[in-house]
Amino acid sequence: MGPVSKRATIYLDADLHTALKMKAAVQDRSISDLVNDAVREMLREDAEDLAAFDERANEPFVAYEDMVKWLKADGRL
């Protein structure tokens, strides 16, 4: 058995809705499929960001002020 779908009500900007309907028609897909794919991609990007944060968790913290001072002393600012 496949994943269970849940019904949700969302409100889209009228122009976005029109564009989404057109894209769905051109691709012979449903609006729900397009929205599900977009949300999956957004969550996948979030998961990648969280993994990157985890990988860098043990790096030393550098305060913004110290970074600006370092860039200025290094001649980059």
Protein backbone atom coordinates (compact mmCIF):
# COMPACT_ATOMS: atom_id res chain seq x y z
CA MET A 1 0.00 0.00 0.00
CA GLY A 2 1.35 3.48 -0.90
CA PRO A 3 1.64 6.49 1.36
CA VAL A 4 -1.58 7.91 2.72
CA SER A 5 -2.51 11.32 1.33
CA LYS A 6 -3.88 14.05 3.58
CA ARG A 7 -6.13 16.82 2.37
CA ALA A 8 -5.05 20.41 3.07
CA THR A 9 -6.39 23.80 2.13
CA ILE A 10 -3.82 26.32 0.93
CA TYR A 11 -4.30 29.80 -0.43
CA LEU A 12 -2.19 30.84 -3.40
CA ASP A 13 -1.68 34.18 -5.02
CA ALA A 14 -4.05 34.26 -8.02
CA ASP A 15 -1.24 34.63 -10.56
CA LEU A 16 0.73 31.78 -8.96
CA HIS A 17 -2.36 29.59 -9.09
CA THR A 18 -2.83 30.35 -12.79
CA ALA A 19 0.82 29.59 -13.53
CA LEU A 20 0.63 26.38 -11.51
CA LYS A 21 -2.51 25.24 -13.36
CA MET A 22 -0.81 25.95 -16.69
CA LYS A 23 2.35 24.07 -15.69
CA ALA A 24 0.29 21.11 -14.47
CA ALA A 25 -1.60 21.00 -17.77
CA VAL A 26 1.58 21.24 -19.88
CA GLN A 27 3.25 18.48 -17.88
CA ASP A 28 0.06 16.37 -17.69
CA ARG A 29 0.36 16.28 -13.90
CA SER A 30 -1.86 17.40 -11.06
CA ILE A 31 -1.35 20.56 -9.06
CA SER A 32 -1.02 18.34 -5.99
CA ASP A 33 1.88 16.47 -7.59
CA LEU A 34 3.67 19.72 -8.39
CA VAL A 35 3.12 21.11 -4.89
CA ASN A 36 4.24 17.84 -3.26
CA ASP A 37 7.42 17.84 -5.37
CA ALA A 38 8.15 21.48 -4.47
CA VAL A 39 7.65 20.83 -0.75
CA ARG A 40 9.82 17.70 -0.90
CA GLU A 41 12.60 19.69 -2.58
CA MET A 42 12.35 22.44 0.05
CA LEU A 43 12.57 19.89 2.87
CA ARG A 44 15.47 18.08 1.12
CA GLU A 45 17.37 21.40 0.99
CA ASP A 46 16.64 21.93 4.70
CA ALA A 47 17.97 18.45 5.47
CA GLU A 48 21.16 19.22 3.53
CA ASP A 49 21.58 22.49 5.44
CA LEU A 50 21.10 20.73 8.79
CA ALA A 51 23.66 18.08 7.80
CA ALA A 52 26.14 20.84 6.90
CA PHE A 53 25.59 22.46 10.30
CA ASP A 54 26.18 19.11 12.01
CA GLU A 55 29.41 18.59 10.04
CA ARG A 56 30.69 21.99 11.17
CA ALA A 57 29.50 21.74 14.79
CA ASN A 58 33.04 21.30 16.14
CA GLU A 59 34.57 24.22 14.25
CA PRO A 60 35.66 27.13 16.43
CA PHE A 61 33.24 30.00 16.79
CA VAL A 62 34.40 33.33 15.35
CA ALA A 63 32.45 36.42 16.36
CA TYR A 64 31.34 38.74 13.58
CA GLU A 65 33.33 41.62 15.03
CA ASP A 66 36.49 39.51 15.12
CA MET A 67 35.97 38.43 11.50
CA VAL A 68 35.61 42.04 10.36
CA LYS A 69 38.78 42.98 12.25
CA TRP A 70 40.63 40.03 10.71
CA LEU A 71 39.47 40.93 7.18
CA LYS A 72 40.52 44.54 7.70
CA ALA A 73 43.94 43.57 9.09
CA ASP A 74 44.40 41.16 6.16
CA GLY A 75 43.70 44.00 3.70
CA ARG A 76 40.48 42.52 2.36
CA LEU A 77 38.36 45.43 3.58
